[in-house]
C-alpha atoms as a PDB file:
ATOM      1  CA  MET A   1     -15.718  12.969  13.018  1.00  0.00           C
ATOM      2  CA  ILE A   2     -12.944  14.466  10.883  1.00  0.00           C
ATOM      3  CA  LYS A   3      -9.707  13.632  12.661  1.00  0.00           C
ATOM      4  CA  PRO A   4      -6.394  15.248  11.725  1.00  0.00           C
ATOM      5  CA  GLU A   5      -3.341  13.137  11.073  1.00  0.00           C
ATOM      6  CA  ALA A   6      -0.528  13.482  13.592  1.00  0.00           C
ATOM      7  CA  LEU A   7       2.132  15.361  11.646  1.00  0.00           C
ATOM      8  CA  LYS A   8       5.771  15.784  12.593  1.00  0.00           C
ATOM      9  CA  LEU A   9       6.225  19.561  12.632  1.00  0.00           C
ATOM     10  CA  THR A  10       9.529  21.384  12.959  1.00  0.00           C
ATOM     11  CA  GLN A  11       9.360  23.753  15.890  1.00  0.00           C
ATOM     12  CA  GLU A  12      12.573  25.693  15.383  1.00  0.00           C
ATOM     13  CA  TRP A  13      12.684  28.649  13.007  1.00  0.00           C
ATOM     14  CA  ASP A  14      13.886  27.212   9.700  1.00  0.00           C
ATOM     15  CA  LYS A  15      12.649  29.840   7.247  1.00  0.00           C
ATOM     16  CA  THR A  16      14.545  31.510   4.415  1.00  0.00           C
ATOM     17  CA  PHE A  17      13.681  34.915   5.915  1.00  0.00           C
ATOM     18  CA  PRO A  18      14.341  36.435   9.358  1.00  0.00           C
ATOM     19  CA  LYS A  19      11.784  36.162  12.154  1.00  0.00           C
ATOM     20  CA  SER A  20       9.808  39.304  12.904  1.00  0.00           C
ATOM     21  CA  ASP A  21       9.462  40.598  16.468  1.00  0.00           C
ATOM     22  CA  LYS A  22       6.153  42.258  15.520  1.00  0.00           C
ATOM     23  CA  VAL A  23       4.124  39.050  15.257  1.00  0.00           C
ATOM     24  CA  GLU A  24       3.467  35.845  17.161  1.00  0.00           C
ATOM     25  CA  HIS A  25       4.315  32.683  15.230  1.00  0.00           C
ATOM     26  CA  SER A  26       2.921  29.169  15.782  1.00  0.00           C
ATOM     27  CA  LYS A  27       2.340  25.917  13.933  1.00  0.00           C
ATOM     28  CA  VAL A  28      -1.238  24.843  13.140  1.00  0.00           C
ATOM     29  CA  THR A  29      -2.931  22.042  11.213  1.00  0.00           C
ATOM     30  CA  PHE A  30      -6.278  21.612   9.474  1.00  0.00           C
ATOM     31  CA  VAL A  31      -7.978  18.968   7.332  1.00  0.00           C
ATOM     32  CA  ASN A  32      -9.265  19.280   3.769  1.00  0.00           C
ATOM     33  CA  ARG A  33     -12.355  17.478   2.448  1.00  0.00           C
ATOM     34  CA  TYR A  34     -10.221  14.601   1.189  1.00  0.00           C
ATOM     35  CA  GLY A  35      -9.117  13.930   4.757  1.00  0.00           C
ATOM     36  CA  ILE A  36      -5.578  15.196   4.162  1.00  0.00           C
ATOM     37  CA  THR A  37      -4.065  17.092   7.081  1.00  0.00           C
ATOM     38  CA  LEU A  38      -2.291  20.288   6.080  1.00  0.00           C
ATOM     39  CA  ALA A  39       0.497  21.985   8.025  1.00  0.00           C
ATOM     40  CA  ALA A  40       0.703  25.753   8.278  1.00  0.00           C
ATOM     41  CA  ASP A  41       2.580  28.552   9.979  1.00  0.00           C
ATOM     42  CA  MET A  42       0.255  31.072  11.607  1.00  0.00           C
ATOM     43  CA  TYR A  43       1.305  34.676  12.120  1.00  0.00           C
ATOM     44  CA  VAL A  44      -0.671  36.924  14.469  1.00  0.00           C
ATOM     45  CA  PRO A  45       0.131  40.634  14.890  1.00  0.00           C
ATOM     46  CA  LYS A  46       1.080  41.598  18.430  1.00  0.00           C
ATOM     47  CA  ASP A  47      -0.879  44.122  20.504  1.00  0.00           C
ATOM     48  CA  ILE A  48      -4.003  44.066  18.318  1.00  0.00           C
ATOM     49  CA  GLU A  49      -7.286  43.066  19.943  1.00  0.00           C
ATOM     50  CA  GLY A  50     -10.580  41.923  18.520  1.00  0.00           C
ATOM     51  CA  ARG A  51     -11.334  39.755  15.510  1.00  0.00           C
ATOM     52  CA  LEU A  52      -8.870  40.352  12.702  1.00  0.00           C
ATOM     53  CA  PRO A  53      -9.055  40.229   8.931  1.00  0.00           C
ATOM     54  CA  ALA A  54      -7.239  37.113   7.740  1.00  0.00           C
ATOM     55  CA  ILE A  55      -5.275  35.912   4.720  1.00  0.00           C
ATOM     56  CA  ALA A  56      -4.245  32.401   3.637  1.00  0.00           C
ATOM     57  CA  VAL A  57      -1.068  32.229   1.542  1.00  0.00           C
ATOM     58  CA  CYS A  58       0.399  29.452  -0.598  1.00  0.00           C
ATOM     59  CA  GLY A  59       3.001  29.003  -3.317  1.00  0.00           C
ATOM     60  CA  PRO A  60       5.022  28.954  -5.401  1.00  0.00           C
ATOM     61  CA  PHE A  61       4.248  25.652  -7.106  1.00  0.00           C
ATOM     62  CA  GLY A  62       6.823  23.222  -5.718  1.00  0.00           C
ATOM     63  CA  ALA A  63       7.867  25.489  -2.842  1.00  0.00           C
ATOM     64  CA  VAL A  64       7.182  25.205   0.891  1.00  0.00           C
ATOM     65  CA  LYS A  65       5.803  27.573   3.503  1.00  0.00           C
ATOM     66  CA  GLU A  66       9.283  28.261   4.832  1.00  0.00           C
ATOM     67  CA  GLN A  67      10.046  30.114   1.594  1.00  0.00           C
ATOM     68  CA  CYS A  68       8.209  33.051   0.091  1.00  0.00           C
ATOM     69  CA  SER A  69       4.629  32.202   1.141  1.00  0.00           C
ATOM     70  CA  GLY A  70       5.832  32.504   4.724  1.00  0.00           C
ATOM     71  CA  LEU A  71       7.500  35.808   3.926  1.00  0.00           C
ATOM     72  CA  TYR A  72       4.233  37.136   2.477  1.00  0.00           C
ATOM     73  CA  ALA A  73       2.279  35.839   5.482  1.00  0.00           C
ATOM     74  CA  GLN A  74       4.629  37.294   8.081  1.00  0.00           C
ATOM     75  CA  THR A  75       4.841  40.632   6.291  1.00  0.00           C
ATOM     76  CA  MET A  76       1.066  40.941   5.992  1.00  0.00           C
ATOM     77  CA  ALA A  77       0.734  40.031   9.681  1.00  0.00           C
ATOM     78  CA  GLU A  78       3.041  42.945  10.449  1.00  0.00           C
ATOM     79  CA  ARG A  79       0.428  45.059   8.663  1.00  0.00           C
ATOM     80  CA  GLY A  80      -2.450  43.923  10.854  1.00  0.00           C
ATOM     81  CA  PHE A  81      -3.755  40.673   9.332  1.00  0.00           C
ATOM     82  CA  LEU A  82      -3.888  37.238  10.918  1.00  0.00           C
ATOM     83  CA  THR A  83      -2.241  35.033   8.319  1.00  0.00           C
ATOM     84  CA  ILE A  84      -1.359  31.437   7.576  1.00  0.00           C
ATOM     85  CA  ALA A  85       1.140  30.058   5.066  1.00  0.00           C
ATOM     86  CA  PHE A  86       0.466  26.391   4.349  1.00  0.00           C
ATOM     87  CA  ASP A  87       2.090  23.465   2.583  1.00  0.00           C
ATOM     88  CA  PRO A  88      -0.168  21.914  -0.072  1.00  0.00           C
ATOM     89  CA  SER A  89      -1.273  18.289   0.079  1.00  0.00           C
ATOM     90  CA  PHE A  90       1.507  15.755  -0.533  1.00  0.00           C
ATOM     91  CA  THR A  91       4.317  18.275   0.054  1.00  0.00           C
ATOM     92  CA  GLY A  92       6.381  19.838   2.823  1.00  0.00           C
ATOM     93  CA  GLU A  93       5.137  19.065   6.322  1.00  0.00           C
ATOM     94  CA  SER A  94       1.579  18.400   5.144  1.00  0.00           C
ATOM     95  CA  GLY A  95       0.106  14.925   4.887  1.00  0.00           C
ATOM     96  CA  GLY A  96      -1.057  12.958   1.877  1.00  0.00           C
ATOM     97  CA  GLN A  97       0.290   9.870   0.153  1.00  0.00           C
ATOM     98  CA  PRO A  98       1.973   9.315  -2.203  1.00  0.00           C
ATOM     99  CA  ARG A  99       4.281  12.274  -1.888  1.00  0.00           C
ATOM    100  CA  TYR A 100       4.990  14.937  -4.515  1.00  0.00           C
ATOM    101  CA  MET A 101       1.709  14.701  -6.394  1.00  0.00           C
ATOM    102  CA  ALA A 102      -0.366  17.681  -7.566  1.00  0.00           C
ATOM    103  CA  SER A 103      -4.023  18.011  -8.522  1.00  0.00           C
ATOM    104  CA  PRO A 104      -6.017  21.002  -9.793  1.00  0.00           C
ATOM    105  CA  ASP A 105      -8.945  19.780  -7.684  1.00  0.00           C
ATOM    106  CA  ILE A 106      -7.162  18.828  -4.479  1.00  0.00           C
ATOM    107  CA  ASN A 107      -4.927  21.898  -4.524  1.00  0.00           C
ATOM    108  CA  THR A 108      -7.941  24.182  -4.979  1.00  0.00           C
ATOM    109  CA  GLU A 109      -9.520  22.346  -2.061  1.00  0.00           C
ATOM    110  CA  ASP A 110      -6.377  23.029  -0.013  1.00  0.00           C
ATOM    111  CA  PHE A 111      -7.086  26.768  -0.308  1.00  0.00           C
ATOM    112  CA  MET A 112     -10.750  26.238   0.579  1.00  0.00           C
ATOM    113  CA  ALA A 113      -9.751  24.202   3.635  1.00  0.00           C
ATOM    114  CA  ALA A 114      -7.511  27.081   4.693  1.00  0.00           C
ATOM    115  CA  VAL A 115     -10.556  29.364   4.446  1.00  0.00           C
ATOM    116  CA  ASP A 116     -12.485  26.839   6.572  1.00  0.00           C
ATOM    117  CA  PHE A 117      -9.772  26.993   9.213  1.00  0.00           C
ATOM    118  CA  LEU A 118      -9.670  30.779   9.281  1.00  0.00           C
ATOM    119  CA  SER A 119     -13.471  31.092   9.299  1.00  0.00           C
ATOM    120  CA  LEU A 120     -13.682  29.011  12.479  1.00  0.00           C
ATOM    121  CA  ASN A 121     -10.741  30.664  14.253  1.00  0.00           C
ATOM    122  CA  GLU A 122     -11.930  32.755  17.206  1.00  0.00           C
ATOM    123  CA  LYS A 123      -9.378  35.464  16.423  1.00  0.00           C
ATOM    124  CA  VAL A 124     -10.646  35.962  12.862  1.00  0.00           C
ATOM    125  CA  ASP A 125     -13.513  38.001  11.457  1.00  0.00           C
ATOM    126  CA  PRO A 126     -15.067  35.383   9.116  1.00  0.00           C
ATOM    127  CA  GLU A 127     -16.495  38.128   6.914  1.00  0.00           C
ATOM    128  CA  ARG A 128     -13.001  39.458   6.135  1.00  0.00           C
ATOM    129  CA  ILE A 129     -10.964  36.607   4.646  1.00  0.00           C
ATOM    130  CA  GLY A 130      -8.671  36.825   1.625  1.00  0.00           C
ATOM    131  CA  ILE A 131      -6.076  34.667  -0.092  1.00  0.00           C
ATOM    132  CA  ILE A 132      -2.698  35.168  -1.760  1.00  0.00           C
ATOM    133  CA  GLY A 133      -1.393  32.692  -4.327  1.00  0.00           C
ATOM    134  CA  ILE A 134       2.159  32.935  -5.636  1.00  0.00           C
ATOM    135  CA  CYS A 135       3.422  31.566  -8.976  1.00  0.00           C
ATOM    136  CA  GLY A 136       1.462  28.374  -9.791  1.00  0.00           C
ATOM    137  CA  TRP A 137      -0.630  28.997  -6.731  1.00  0.00           C
ATOM    138  CA  GLY A 138      -1.686  32.324  -8.227  1.00  0.00           C
ATOM    139  CA  GLY A 139      -3.698  30.382 -10.782  1.00  0.00           C
ATOM    140  CA  MET A 140      -5.024  28.137  -8.011  1.00  0.00           C
ATOM    141  CA  ALA A 141      -6.024  31.230  -6.035  1.00  0.00           C
ATOM    142  CA  ILE A 142      -8.047  32.617  -8.940  1.00  0.00           C
ATOM    143  CA  ASN A 143      -9.695  29.221  -9.404  1.00  0.00           C
ATOM    144  CA  THR A 144     -10.516  29.134  -5.683  1.00  0.00           C
ATOM    145  CA  ALA A 145     -11.969  32.649  -5.810  1.00  0.00           C
ATOM    146  CA  ALA A 146     -14.266  31.476  -8.618  1.00  0.00           C
ATOM    147  CA  LEU A 147     -15.503  28.634  -6.385  1.00  0.00           C
ATOM    148  CA  ASP A 148     -15.441  29.934  -2.798  1.00  0.00           C
ATOM    149  CA  THR A 149     -17.931  32.739  -2.159  1.00  0.00           C
ATOM    150  CA  ARG A 150     -16.514  33.367   1.326  1.00  0.00           C
ATOM    151  CA  ILE A 151     -13.348  34.868  -0.112  1.00  0.00           C
ATOM    152  CA  LYS A 152     -13.573  38.652  -0.200  1.00  0.00           C
ATOM    153  CA  ALA A 153     -10.269  39.427  -1.947  1.00  0.00           C
ATOM    154  CA  THR A 154      -7.541  37.560  -3.845  1.00  0.00           C
ATOM    155  CA  VAL A 155      -4.000  38.452  -4.868  1.00  0.00           C
ATOM    156  CA  ALA A 156      -2.361  36.363  -7.593  1.00  0.00           C
ATOM    157  CA  SER A 157       1.337  37.259  -7.501  1.00  0.00           C
ATOM    158  CA  THR A 158       3.771  36.461 -10.356  1.00  0.00           C
ATOM    159  CA  MET A 159       1.196  33.861 -11.363  1.00  0.00           C
ATOM    160  CA  TYR A 160       1.305  30.759 -13.502  1.00  0.00           C
ATOM    161  CA  ASP A 161      -1.702  28.955 -14.916  1.00  0.00           C
ATOM    162  CA  MET A 162      -0.266  25.474 -14.400  1.00  0.00           C
ATOM    163  CA  THR A 163      -2.887  23.807 -16.586  1.00  0.00           C
ATOM    164  CA  ARG A 164      -1.932  26.063 -19.512  1.00  0.00           C
ATOM    165  CA  VAL A 165       1.798  25.492 -19.026  1.00  0.00           C
ATOM    166  CA  ASN A 166       1.362  21.716 -18.817  1.00  0.00           C
ATOM    167  CA  ALA A 167      -0.952  21.563 -21.817  1.00  0.00           C
ATOM    168  CA  LYS A 168       0.801  24.078 -24.056  1.00  0.00           C
ATOM    169  CA  GLY A 169       4.368  24.348 -22.751  1.00  0.00           C
ATOM    170  CA  TYR A 170       6.241  27.500 -21.800  1.00  0.00           C
ATOM    171  CA  PHE A 171       5.182  30.464 -23.942  1.00  0.00           C
ATOM    172  CA  ASP A 172       2.617  28.136 -25.601  1.00  0.00           C
ATOM    173  CA  SER A 173       5.475  26.646 -27.623  1.00  0.00           C
ATOM    174  CA  GLU A 174       3.988  23.115 -27.494  1.00  0.00           C
ATOM    175  CA  ASP A 175       0.388  24.012 -28.259  1.00  0.00           C
ATOM    176  CA  SER A 176      -0.544  21.220 -30.660  1.00  0.00           C
ATOM    177  CA  GLU A 177      -2.473  17.974 -30.548  1.00  0.00           C
ATOM    178  CA  GLU A 178       0.671  16.050 -31.451  1.00  0.00           C
ATOM    179  CA  ALA A 179       2.744  17.600 -28.664  1.00  0.00           C
ATOM    180  CA  ARG A 180       0.029  16.888 -26.112  1.00  0.00           C
ATOM    181  CA  TYR A 181      -0.334  13.327 -27.379  1.00  0.00           C
ATOM    182  CA  GLN A 182       3.391  12.702 -26.942  1.00  0.00           C
ATOM    183  CA  LYS A 183       3.282  14.112 -23.397  1.00  0.00           C
ATOM    184  CA  LYS A 184       0.323  11.915 -22.486  1.00  0.00           C
ATOM    185  CA  ALA A 185       1.937   8.820 -24.029  1.00  0.00           C
ATOM    186  CA  ALA A 186       5.132   9.437 -22.048  1.00  0.00           C
ATOM    187  CA  MET A 187       3.123   9.827 -18.828  1.00  0.00           C
ATOM    188  CA  CYS A 188       1.242   6.596 -19.443  1.00  0.00           C
ATOM    189  CA  ALA A 189       4.509   4.744 -20.041  1.00  0.00           C
ATOM    190  CA  GLN A 190       5.957   6.241 -16.864  1.00  0.00           C
ATOM    191  CA  ARG A 191       2.970   5.030 -14.827  1.00  0.00           C
ATOM    192  CA  LEU A 192       3.806   1.423 -15.742  1.00  0.00           C
ATOM    193  CA  ALA A 193       7.519   1.957 -15.128  1.00  0.00           C
ATOM    194  CA  ASP A 194       6.741   3.320 -11.668  1.00  0.00           C
ATOM    195  CA  LEU A 195       4.518   0.372 -10.823  1.00  0.00           C
ATOM    196  CA  LYS A 196       7.199  -2.073 -11.940  1.00  0.00           C
ATOM    197  CA  ALA A 197       9.848  -0.232  -9.926  1.00  0.00           C
ATOM    198  CA  GLY A 198       7.639   0.010  -6.860  1.00  0.00           C
ATOM    199  CA  GLU A 199       8.263   3.733  -6.484  1.00  0.00           C
ATOM    200  CA  TYR A 200       7.565   6.994  -8.269  1.00  0.00           C
ATOM    201  CA  ARG A 201      10.342   8.533 -10.302  1.00  0.00           C
ATOM    202  CA  LEU A 202      11.093  12.160  -9.494  1.00  0.00           C
ATOM    203  CA  GLY A 203      11.158  14.623 -12.355  1.00  0.00           C
ATOM    204  CA  GLY A 204      13.972  16.705 -10.893  1.00  0.00           C
ATOM    205  CA  GLY A 205      13.810  20.176  -9.380  1.00  0.00           C
ATOM    206  CA  VAL A 206      15.598  23.227 -10.738  1.00  0.00           C
ATOM    207  CA  VAL A 207      18.503  22.068 -12.888  1.00  0.00           C
ATOM    208  CA  ASP A 208      21.837  21.896 -11.056  1.00  0.00           C
ATOM    209  CA  PRO A 209      24.554  22.526 -12.101  1.00  0.00           C
ATOM    210  CA  LEU A 210      23.238  25.383 -14.181  1.00  0.00           C
ATOM    211  CA  PRO A 211      24.152  25.078 -17.889  1.00  0.00           C
ATOM    212  CA  GLU A 212      25.887  28.115 -19.333  1.00  0.00           C
ATOM    213  CA  ASP A 213      23.329  28.309 -22.136  1.00  0.00           C
ATOM    214  CA  ALA A 214      20.300  28.020 -19.846  1.00  0.00           C
ATOM    215  CA  PRO A 215      17.480  30.458 -20.711  1.00  0.00           C
ATOM    216  CA  PHE A 216      17.062  33.417 -18.388  1.00  0.00           C
ATOM    217  CA  PHE A 217      13.980  32.085 -16.608  1.00  0.00           C
ATOM    218  CA  VAL A 218      15.903  28.922 -15.628  1.00  0.00           C
ATOM    219  CA  LYS A 219      18.727  31.104 -14.280  1.00  0.00           C
ATOM    220  CA  ASP A 220      16.119  33.132 -12.418  1.00  0.00           C
ATOM    221  CA  TYR A 221      14.758  30.014 -10.721  1.00  0.00           C
ATOM    222  CA  TYR A 222      18.271  28.734  -9.952  1.00  0.00           C
ATOM    223  CA  ASP A 223      19.152  32.045  -8.297  1.00  0.00           C
ATOM    224  CA  TYR A 224      16.260  31.579  -5.885  1.00  0.00           C
ATOM    225  CA  TYR A 225      15.839  27.857  -5.277  1.00  0.00           C
ATOM    226  CA  LYS A 226      19.453  26.668  -5.458  1.00  0.00           C
ATOM    227  CA  THR A 227      21.255  29.402  -3.533  1.00  0.00           C
ATOM    228  CA  PRO A 228      21.114  30.520   0.108  1.00  0.00           C
ATOM    229  CA  ARG A 229      18.613  33.170  -1.014  1.00  0.00           C
ATOM    230  CA  GLY A 230      15.771  30.640  -1.170  1.00  0.00           C
ATOM    231  CA  TYR A 231      17.019  27.054  -0.781  1.00  0.00           C
ATOM    232  CA  HIS A 232      15.106  24.865   1.659  1.00  0.00           C
ATOM    233  CA  PRO A 233      15.625  21.136   2.265  1.00  0.00           C
ATOM    234  CA  ARG A 234      11.881  20.375   2.062  1.00  0.00           C
ATOM    235  CA  SER A 235      11.300  22.364  -1.122  1.00  0.00           C
ATOM    236  CA  LEU A 236      10.580  20.255  -4.204  1.00  0.00           C
ATOM    237  CA  ASN A 237      12.033  22.869  -6.529  1.00  0.00           C
ATOM    238  CA  SER A 238      15.215  23.087  -4.465  1.00  0.00           C
ATOM    239  CA  ASN A 239      15.684  19.319  -4.575  1.00  0.00           C
ATOM    240  CA  GLY A 240      14.175  16.371  -6.497  1.00  0.00           C
ATOM    241  CA  GLY A 241      11.030  18.044  -7.818  1.00  0.00           C
ATOM    242  CA  TRP A 242       7.589  16.570  -8.420  1.00  0.00           C
ATOM    243  CA  ASN A 243       7.057  13.004  -9.494  1.00  0.00           C
ATOM    244  CA  VAL A 244       7.287  12.676 -13.276  1.00  0.00           C
ATOM    245  CA  ILE A 245       3.554  11.873 -13.354  1.00  0.00           C
ATOM    246  CA  GLY A 246       2.770  14.278 -10.520  1.00  0.00           C
ATOM    247  CA  CYS A 247       1.031  16.843 -12.731  1.00  0.00           C
ATOM    248  CA  GLU A 248      -0.488  14.473 -15.291  1.00  0.00           C
ATOM    249  CA  SER A 249      -4.096  15.616 -14.917  1.00  0.00           C
ATOM    250  CA  PHE A 250      -3.173  19.280 -15.465  1.00  0.00           C
ATOM    251  CA  ILE A 251      -2.835  18.627 -19.210  1.00  0.00           C
ATOM    252  CA  ASN A 252      -6.595  18.102 -19.545  1.00  0.00           C
ATOM    253  CA  GLN A 253      -8.023  20.567 -17.026  1.00  0.00           C
ATOM    254  CA  PRO A 254      -8.120  24.337 -17.580  1.00  0.00           C
ATOM    255  CA  ILE A 255      -8.687  25.928 -14.164  1.00  0.00           C
ATOM    256  CA  LEU A 256      -9.653  29.483 -15.111  1.00  0.00           C
ATOM    257  CA  LYS A 257     -12.790  28.687 -17.141  1.00  0.00           C
ATOM    258  CA  TYR A 258     -15.168  30.746 -15.001  1.00  0.00           C
ATOM    259  CA  SER A 259     -12.826  33.448 -13.742  1.00  0.00           C
ATOM    260  CA  ASN A 260     -14.996  36.171 -15.311  1.00  0.00           C
ATOM    261  CA  GLU A 261     -17.760  35.182 -12.877  1.00  0.00           C
ATOM    262  CA  ILE A 262     -15.695  36.072  -9.788  1.00  0.00           C
ATOM    263  CA  ARG A 263     -17.656  38.704  -7.874  1.00  0.00           C
ATOM    264  CA  SER A 264     -15.021  39.415  -5.217  1.00  0.00           C
ATOM    265  CA  ALA A 265     -11.960  41.631  -5.667  1.00  0.00           C
ATOM    266  CA  VAL A 266      -8.880  40.275  -7.435  1.00  0.00           C
ATOM    267  CA  MET A 267      -5.432  41.799  -7.932  1.00  0.00           C
ATOM    268  CA  VAL A 268      -3.141  40.201 -10.501  1.00  0.00           C
ATOM    269  CA  LEU A 269       0.390  41.308  -9.592  1.00  0.00           C
ATOM    270  CA  HIS A 270       3.308  40.738 -11.951  1.00  0.00           C
ATOM    271  CA  GLY A 271       6.750  42.011 -12.823  1.00  0.00           C
ATOM    272  CA  ASP A 272       6.700  43.458 -16.326  1.00  0.00           C
ATOM    273  CA  ALA A 273      10.100  41.861 -17.047  1.00  0.00           C
ATOM    274  CA  ALA A 274       9.021  38.402 -15.827  1.00  0.00           C
ATOM    275  CA  HIS A 275       9.056  35.558 -18.348  1.00  0.00           C
ATOM    276  CA  SER A 276       5.638  34.625 -16.952  1.00  0.00           C
ATOM    277  CA  CYS A 277       4.044  38.042 -17.346  1.00  0.00           C
ATOM    278  CA  TYR A 278       1.992  36.880 -20.331  1.00  0.00           C
ATOM    279  CA  LEU A 279       0.190  34.454 -18.027  1.00  0.00           C
ATOM    280  CA  GLY A 280      -0.832  37.214 -15.631  1.00  0.00           C
ATOM    281  CA  LYS A 281      -1.889  39.588 -18.391  1.00  0.00           C
ATOM    282  CA  ASP A 282      -3.967  36.921 -20.110  1.00  0.00           C
ATOM    283  CA  ALA A 283      -5.557  35.771 -16.848  1.00  0.00           C
ATOM    284  CA  TYR A 284      -6.584  39.347 -16.075  1.00  0.00           C
ATOM    285  CA  ALA A 285      -7.942  39.898 -19.587  1.00  0.00           C
ATOM    286  CA  ASP A 286     -10.004  36.698 -19.409  1.00  0.00           C
ATOM    287  CA  MET A 287     -11.269  37.632 -15.936  1.00  0.00           C
ATOM    288  CA  VAL A 288     -12.678  40.994 -17.014  1.00  0.00           C
ATOM    289  CA  LYS A 289     -13.891  39.978 -20.494  1.00  0.00           C
ATOM    290  CA  ASP A 290     -17.711  40.002 -20.653  1.00  0.00           C
ATOM    291  CA  SER A 291     -17.745  40.225 -16.848  1.00  0.00           C
ATOM    292  CA  GLN A 292     -20.382  41.967 -14.778  1.00  0.00           C
ATOM    293  CA  TYR A 293     -17.837  42.251 -11.973  1.00  0.00           C
ATOM    294  CA  ALA A 294     -14.820  43.892 -13.590  1.00  0.00           C
ATOM    295  CA  ASP A 295     -14.811  47.064 -11.468  1.00  0.00           C
ATOM    296  CA  ASN A 296     -12.991  45.442  -8.533  1.00  0.00           C
ATOM    297  CA  LYS A 297     -10.309  43.717 -10.618  1.00  0.00           C
ATOM    298  CA  GLU A 298      -6.752  45.105 -10.940  1.00  0.00           C
ATOM    299  CA  LEU A 299      -3.683  44.320 -13.019  1.00  0.00           C
ATOM    300  CA  VAL A 300      -0.587  45.718 -11.304  1.00  0.00           C
ATOM    301  CA  LEU A 301       2.719  45.554 -13.200  1.00  0.00           C
ATOM    302  CA  ILE A 302       5.980  46.194 -11.345  1.00  0.00           C
ATOM    303  CA  PRO A 303       8.495  47.936 -13.654  1.00  0.00           C
ATOM    304  CA  GLY A 304      11.692  45.966 -14.227  1.00  0.00           C
ATOM    305  CA  ALA A 305      10.760  43.073 -11.924  1.00  0.00           C
ATOM    306  CA  VAL A 306      11.448  39.494 -13.028  1.00  0.00           C
ATOM    307  CA  HIS A 307       9.541  36.415 -11.892  1.00  0.00           C
ATOM    308  CA  THR A 308      11.390  35.655  -8.637  1.00  0.00           C
ATOM    309  CA  ASP A 309      11.617  39.321  -7.634  1.00  0.00           C
ATOM    310  CA  LEU A 310       8.051  38.842  -6.408  1.00  0.00           C
ATOM    311  CA  TYR A 311       9.123  35.813  -4.377  1.00  0.00           C
ATOM    312  CA  ASP A 312      11.246  37.752  -1.901  1.00  0.00           C
ATOM    313  CA  GLY A 313      11.719  41.249  -3.310  1.00  0.00           C
ATOM    314  CA  GLY A 314      14.786  40.325  -5.332  1.00  0.00           C
ATOM    315  CA  GLY A 315      16.965  42.577  -3.181  1.00  0.00           C
ATOM    316  CA  LYS A 316      15.122  45.635  -4.457  1.00  0.00           C
ATOM    317  CA  ASP A 317      11.866  45.607  -2.470  1.00  0.00           C
ATOM    318  CA  ALA A 318       9.919  44.646  -5.587  1.00  0.00           C
ATOM    319  CA  ILE A 319       6.878  43.346  -3.674  1.00  0.00           C
ATOM    320  CA  PRO A 320       4.449  46.244  -3.050  1.00  0.00           C
ATOM    321  CA  PHE A 321       3.265  45.066   0.363  1.00  0.00           C
ATOM    322  CA  ASP A 322       1.744  48.420   1.299  1.00  0.00           C
ATOM    323  CA  ARG A 323      -0.304  48.424  -1.897  1.00  0.00           C
ATOM    324  CA  ILE A 324      -1.414  44.864  -1.176  1.00  0.00           C
ATOM    325  CA  LYS A 325      -2.446  45.977   2.311  1.00  0.00           C
ATOM    326  CA  VAL A 326      -4.570  48.809   0.922  1.00  0.00           C
ATOM    327  CA  PHE A 327      -6.165  46.430  -1.578  1.00  0.00           C
ATOM    328  CA  PHE A 328      -7.200  43.986   1.146  1.00  0.00           C
ATOM    329  CA  GLU A 329      -8.382  46.725   3.518  1.00  0.00           C
ATOM    330  CA  LYS A 330     -10.511  48.233   0.760  1.00  0.00           C
ATOM    331  CA  SER A 331     -11.919  44.925  -0.435  1.00  0.00           C
ATOM    332  CA  MET A 332     -12.615  42.999   2.772  1.00  0.00           C
END
């Protein structure tokens, strides 16, 4: 029998966005195939009967469900979907030891476990389930869509391919055998240092204080994670970050290898002014290249939007929620 871990879940509203009076909110848990219990916020639209289409939401990488994944989930629930926003394994209110680790495999499984949960929920139509991945979880969402045939539609918003960024650096600036070797050697040395210290060293979240000469994308992250706009005490990016070795295996594991075999619908959503836009454009191009299933794939670019504008709208309603709604309704 698969038994969930007893998690300590915060019951008061502690999100970075206001509570909607159009949906019912509750805390739920479910277990992935590694036996890790995941914590989620569930949002159910009021005054709608029958089995509902459902969406699981996660991201950004290093964020928690009280930040923008919860905003996406609540907003899509206002539009008629039963939704959950969950914390990945080893982070937030979810279980898993040691803390602040990431895994291309386990994190893909987290999304599949969310689909398990929704498929067995009596309020959900199991034939109408989709997922939304934000930032690094956009890449995870595409990877999950390539693996999980139950998923009818996927949105990858302001996405990162975390395996590419870890292996090649930002903007592919460290794409060489020597650079990768040095990264791997540093990780191996850190493993021994951690064992000697008896604890894992944190890599640090978003830099604080912000250097005057910081590149724009660092300022963009600071503006979200380190200010009242998006700060949350359980968020890795807002605080101490992942363990230094937390993403070690990402260097060796491309996650989008078979994306052009995805039969279900996928929308890649990105701001055209985002530093990360190249990742979304390339992911879309790889997904449709030599694909038999390109007709239901979309690349949607939001004019003038930077990376974190698609976290919470950036104060200019940059997230096209109505378009996302139409995409899911058409595809599920």
